[in-house]
Amino acid sequence: MTEIKQSDEIQEKIRKSSEEKEKRFNEAKPKIDIMQEQVNRMYQGSREDTLNGIKSNSTYLVANAILAGMILHERSPEFIQGLLTAKSNPDAIMGWSIEDVARAALDVCGVEKYQGNSDHAKQLIACKFEGI
């Protein structure tokens, strides 16, 4: 009888744990959706979303703001300031260093010459962020 009770207790703990994980996932999901919507608007030409993204604490938003801004030829003082800030960002996403991407963008914008050795950054400079 005690074995059945222990088994029931274990099953209940597993069920509660699964419910807690699902709840955390569902709470995070809307935030992810909102971020993706902002990124979508960046690539659709939203200057406001791009400038907000480059000032974000989110690596995902900063990276996409740099790429979208460069693809859409954003060169405003606010964007350049965001690039100058991002060039000190040690984070990376999908193997791309924010620091190197920002430094490559600053080179393409004519603000400062890229001095690094990242192949990704050199490729971005070579193509001027076109066709990426």
C-alpha atoms as a PDB file:
ATOM      1  CA  MET A   1       0.000   0.000   0.000  1.00  0.00           C
ATOM      2  CA  THR A   2       2.801   2.439   0.829  1.00  0.00           C
ATOM      3  CA  GLU A   3       4.425   1.714  -2.534  1.00  0.00           C
ATOM      4  CA  ILE A   4       1.239   2.791  -4.307  1.00  0.00           C
ATOM      5  CA  LYS A   5       1.061   5.950  -2.197  1.00  0.00           C
ATOM      6  CA  GLN A   6       4.705   6.784  -2.968  1.00  0.00           C
ATOM      7  CA  SER A   7       4.082   6.167  -6.661  1.00  0.00           C
ATOM      8  CA  ASP A   8       1.079   8.501  -6.559  1.00  0.00           C
ATOM      9  CA  GLU A   9       3.179  11.165  -4.807  1.00  0.00           C
ATOM     10  CA  ILE A  10       5.888  10.866  -7.439  1.00  0.00           C
ATOM     11  CA  GLN A  11       3.340  11.129 -10.224  1.00  0.00           C
ATOM     12  CA  GLU A  12       1.870  14.240  -8.576  1.00  0.00           C
ATOM     13  CA  LYS A  13       5.341  15.852  -8.315  1.00  0.00           C
ATOM     14  CA  ILE A  14       5.998  15.106 -11.994  1.00  0.00           C
ATOM     15  CA  ARG A  15       2.617  16.575 -12.979  1.00  0.00           C
ATOM     16  CA  LYS A  16       3.237  19.764 -10.949  1.00  0.00           C
ATOM     17  CA  SER A  17       6.726  20.122 -12.401  1.00  0.00           C
ATOM     18  CA  SER A  18       5.361  19.779 -15.938  1.00  0.00           C
ATOM     19  CA  GLU A  19       2.656  22.347 -15.223  1.00  0.00           C
ATOM     20  CA  GLU A  20       5.234  24.803 -13.835  1.00  0.00           C
ATOM     21  CA  LYS A  21       7.460  24.386 -16.915  1.00  0.00           C
ATOM     22  CA  GLU A  22       4.501  24.922 -19.232  1.00  0.00           C
ATOM     23  CA  LYS A  23       3.453  28.020 -17.302  1.00  0.00           C
ATOM     24  CA  ARG A  24       6.974  29.535 -17.549  1.00  0.00           C
ATOM     25  CA  PHE A  25       7.058  28.771 -21.277  1.00  0.00           C
ATOM     26  CA  ASN A  26       3.666  30.394 -21.851  1.00  0.00           C
ATOM     27  CA  GLU A  27       4.680  33.480 -19.851  1.00  0.00           C
ATOM     28  CA  ALA A  28       7.821  33.899 -21.974  1.00  0.00           C
ATOM     29  CA  LYS A  29       6.071  33.244 -25.276  1.00  0.00           C
ATOM     30  CA  PRO A  30       4.314  36.624 -25.582  1.00  0.00           C
ATOM     31  CA  LYS A  31       7.641  38.424 -24.986  1.00  0.00           C
ATOM     32  CA  ILE A  32       9.261  36.372 -27.754  1.00  0.00           C
ATOM     33  CA  ASP A  33       6.364  37.127 -30.090  1.00  0.00           C
ATOM     34  CA  ILE A  34       6.603  40.870 -29.359  1.00  0.00           C
ATOM     35  CA  MET A  35      10.350  40.855 -30.058  1.00  0.00           C
ATOM     36  CA  GLN A  36       9.871  38.976 -33.325  1.00  0.00           C
ATOM     37  CA  GLU A  37       7.177  41.428 -34.399  1.00  0.00           C
ATOM     38  CA  GLN A  38       9.611  44.285 -33.734  1.00  0.00           C
ATOM     39  CA  VAL A  39      12.302  42.556 -35.793  1.00  0.00           C
ATOM     40  CA  ASN A  40       9.816  42.001 -38.618  1.00  0.00           C
ATOM     41  CA  ARG A  41       8.973  45.709 -38.606  1.00  0.00           C
ATOM     42  CA  MET A  42      12.701  46.568 -38.703  1.00  0.00           C
ATOM     43  CA  TYR A  43      13.155  44.647 -41.953  1.00  0.00           C
ATOM     44  CA  GLN A  44       9.969  46.207 -43.316  1.00  0.00           C
ATOM     45  CA  GLY A  45      11.615  49.607 -42.908  1.00  0.00           C
ATOM     46  CA  SER A  46      10.511  50.796 -39.457  1.00  0.00           C
ATOM     47  CA  ARG A  47      13.126  53.322 -38.484  1.00  0.00           C
ATOM     48  CA  GLU A  48      11.601  53.658 -35.011  1.00  0.00           C
ATOM     49  CA  ASP A  49      11.874  49.923 -34.327  1.00  0.00           C
ATOM     50  CA  THR A  50      15.428  49.833 -35.662  1.00  0.00           C
ATOM     51  CA  LEU A  51      16.543  52.734 -33.461  1.00  0.00           C
ATOM     52  CA  ASN A  52      14.795  51.238 -30.426  1.00  0.00           C
ATOM     53  CA  GLY A  53      16.336  47.842 -31.191  1.00  0.00           C
ATOM     54  CA  ILE A  54      19.898  49.105 -31.401  1.00  0.00           C
ATOM     55  CA  LYS A  55      19.511  50.642 -27.918  1.00  0.00           C
ATOM     56  CA  SER A  56      18.029  47.448 -26.461  1.00  0.00           C
ATOM     57  CA  ASN A  57      19.578  45.175 -23.850  1.00  0.00           C
ATOM     58  CA  SER A  58      18.535  42.215 -25.999  1.00  0.00           C
ATOM     59  CA  THR A  59      21.326  40.709 -28.095  1.00  0.00           C
ATOM     60  CA  TYR A  60      18.688  39.494 -30.541  1.00  0.00           C
ATOM     61  CA  LEU A  61      17.234  42.975 -31.050  1.00  0.00           C
ATOM     62  CA  VAL A  62      20.619  44.710 -31.259  1.00  0.00           C
ATOM     63  CA  ALA A  63      21.925  42.255 -33.861  1.00  0.00           C
ATOM     64  CA  ASN A  64      18.816  42.559 -36.004  1.00  0.00           C
ATOM     65  CA  ALA A  65      18.744  46.346 -35.646  1.00  0.00           C
ATOM     66  CA  ILE A  66      22.317  46.563 -36.946  1.00  0.00           C
ATOM     67  CA  LEU A  67      21.593  44.289 -39.898  1.00  0.00           C
ATOM     68  CA  ALA A  68      18.245  45.887 -40.763  1.00  0.00           C
ATOM     69  CA  GLY A  69      19.657  49.378 -40.360  1.00  0.00           C
ATOM     70  CA  MET A  70      22.575  48.644 -42.646  1.00  0.00           C
ATOM     71  CA  ILE A  71      20.439  46.880 -45.251  1.00  0.00           C
ATOM     72  CA  LEU A  72      18.071  49.865 -45.279  1.00  0.00           C
ATOM     73  CA  HIS A  73      20.950  52.395 -45.308  1.00  0.00           C
ATOM     74  CA  GLU A  74      20.159  53.949 -41.927  1.00  0.00           C
ATOM     75  CA  ARG A  75      22.861  56.521 -41.162  1.00  0.00           C
ATOM     76  CA  SER A  76      21.243  58.789 -38.587  1.00  0.00           C
ATOM     77  CA  PRO A  77      23.247  60.082 -35.612  1.00  0.00           C
ATOM     78  CA  GLU A  78      21.107  57.883 -33.327  1.00  0.00           C
ATOM     79  CA  PHE A  79      21.957  54.792 -35.366  1.00  0.00           C
ATOM     80  CA  ILE A  80      25.684  55.630 -35.475  1.00  0.00           C
ATOM     81  CA  GLN A  81      25.626  56.176 -31.689  1.00  0.00           C
ATOM     82  CA  GLY A  82      23.988  52.768 -31.315  1.00  0.00           C
ATOM     83  CA  LEU A  83      26.755  51.219 -33.416  1.00  0.00           C
ATOM     84  CA  LEU A  84      29.402  52.953 -31.297  1.00  0.00           C
ATOM     85  CA  THR A  85      27.781  51.495 -28.181  1.00  0.00           C
ATOM     86  CA  ALA A  86      27.379  48.050 -29.768  1.00  0.00           C
ATOM     87  CA  LYS A  87      31.048  47.830 -30.725  1.00  0.00           C
ATOM     88  CA  SER A  88      31.749  47.203 -27.015  1.00  0.00           C
ATOM     89  CA  ASN A  89      29.089  44.489 -26.746  1.00  0.00           C
ATOM     90  CA  PRO A  90      30.805  41.132 -26.065  1.00  0.00           C
ATOM     91  CA  ASP A  91      27.664  39.086 -26.785  1.00  0.00           C
ATOM     92  CA  ALA A  92      27.209  36.868 -29.821  1.00  0.00           C
ATOM     93  CA  ILE A  93      24.241  35.359 -31.592  1.00  0.00           C
ATOM     94  CA  MET A  94      24.326  32.479 -34.068  1.00  0.00           C
ATOM     95  CA  GLY A  95      28.130  32.675 -34.047  1.00  0.00           C
ATOM     96  CA  TRP A  96      28.185  36.385 -34.924  1.00  0.00           C
ATOM     97  CA  SER A  97      29.876  38.722 -32.478  1.00  0.00           C
ATOM     98  CA  ILE A  98      27.835  41.904 -31.938  1.00  0.00           C
ATOM     99  CA  GLU A  99      31.108  43.744 -31.483  1.00  0.00           C
ATOM    100  CA  ASP A 100      32.453  42.647 -34.882  1.00  0.00           C
ATOM    101  CA  VAL A 101      29.186  43.276 -36.723  1.00  0.00           C
ATOM    102  CA  ALA A 102      28.963  46.773 -35.208  1.00  0.00           C
ATOM    103  CA  ARG A 103      32.592  47.515 -36.101  1.00  0.00           C
ATOM    104  CA  ALA A 104      31.987  46.304 -39.663  1.00  0.00           C
ATOM    105  CA  ALA A 105      28.942  48.560 -39.886  1.00  0.00           C
ATOM    106  CA  LEU A 106      30.951  51.524 -38.628  1.00  0.00           C
ATOM    107  CA  ASP A 107      33.522  50.820 -41.357  1.00  0.00           C
ATOM    108  CA  VAL A 108      30.857  50.691 -44.077  1.00  0.00           C
ATOM    109  CA  CYS A 109      29.344  53.926 -42.717  1.00  0.00           C
ATOM    110  CA  GLY A 110      32.767  55.580 -42.957  1.00  0.00           C
ATOM    111  CA  VAL A 111      32.971  56.285 -39.221  1.00  0.00           C
ATOM    112  CA  GLU A 112      35.996  54.166 -38.350  1.00  0.00           C
ATOM    113  CA  LYS A 113      38.093  51.587 -40.164  1.00  0.00           C
ATOM    114  CA  TYR A 114      37.689  47.954 -39.106  1.00  0.00           C
ATOM    115  CA  GLN A 115      40.917  46.665 -37.527  1.00  0.00           C
ATOM    116  CA  GLY A 116      39.832  43.168 -36.512  1.00  0.00           C
ATOM    117  CA  ASN A 117      40.360  39.772 -38.078  1.00  0.00           C
ATOM    118  CA  SER A 118      36.830  38.327 -38.080  1.00  0.00           C
ATOM    119  CA  ASP A 119      35.992  36.674 -41.394  1.00  0.00           C
ATOM    120  CA  HIS A 120      32.298  37.481 -40.817  1.00  0.00           C
ATOM    121  CA  ALA A 121      33.048  41.170 -40.356  1.00  0.00           C
ATOM    122  CA  LYS A 122      35.330  41.244 -43.405  1.00  0.00           C
ATOM    123  CA  GLN A 123      32.608  39.619 -45.511  1.00  0.00           C
ATOM    124  CA  LEU A 124      30.042  42.166 -44.309  1.00  0.00           C
ATOM    125  CA  ILE A 125      32.410  45.003 -45.206  1.00  0.00           C
ATOM    126  CA  ALA A 126      33.155  43.480 -48.618  1.00  0.00           C
ATOM    127  CA  CYS A 127      29.454  43.213 -49.502  1.00  0.00           C
ATOM    128  CA  LYS A 128      28.506  46.424 -47.643  1.00  0.00           C
ATOM    129  CA  PHE A 129      25.736  44.492 -45.915  1.00  0.00           C
ATOM    130  CA  GLU A 130      23.987  44.018 -49.279  1.00  0.00           C
ATOM    131  CA  GLY A 131      22.399  40.696 -50.093  1.00  0.00           C
ATOM    132  CA  ILE A 132      22.708  39.239 -46.612  1.00  0.00           C
END
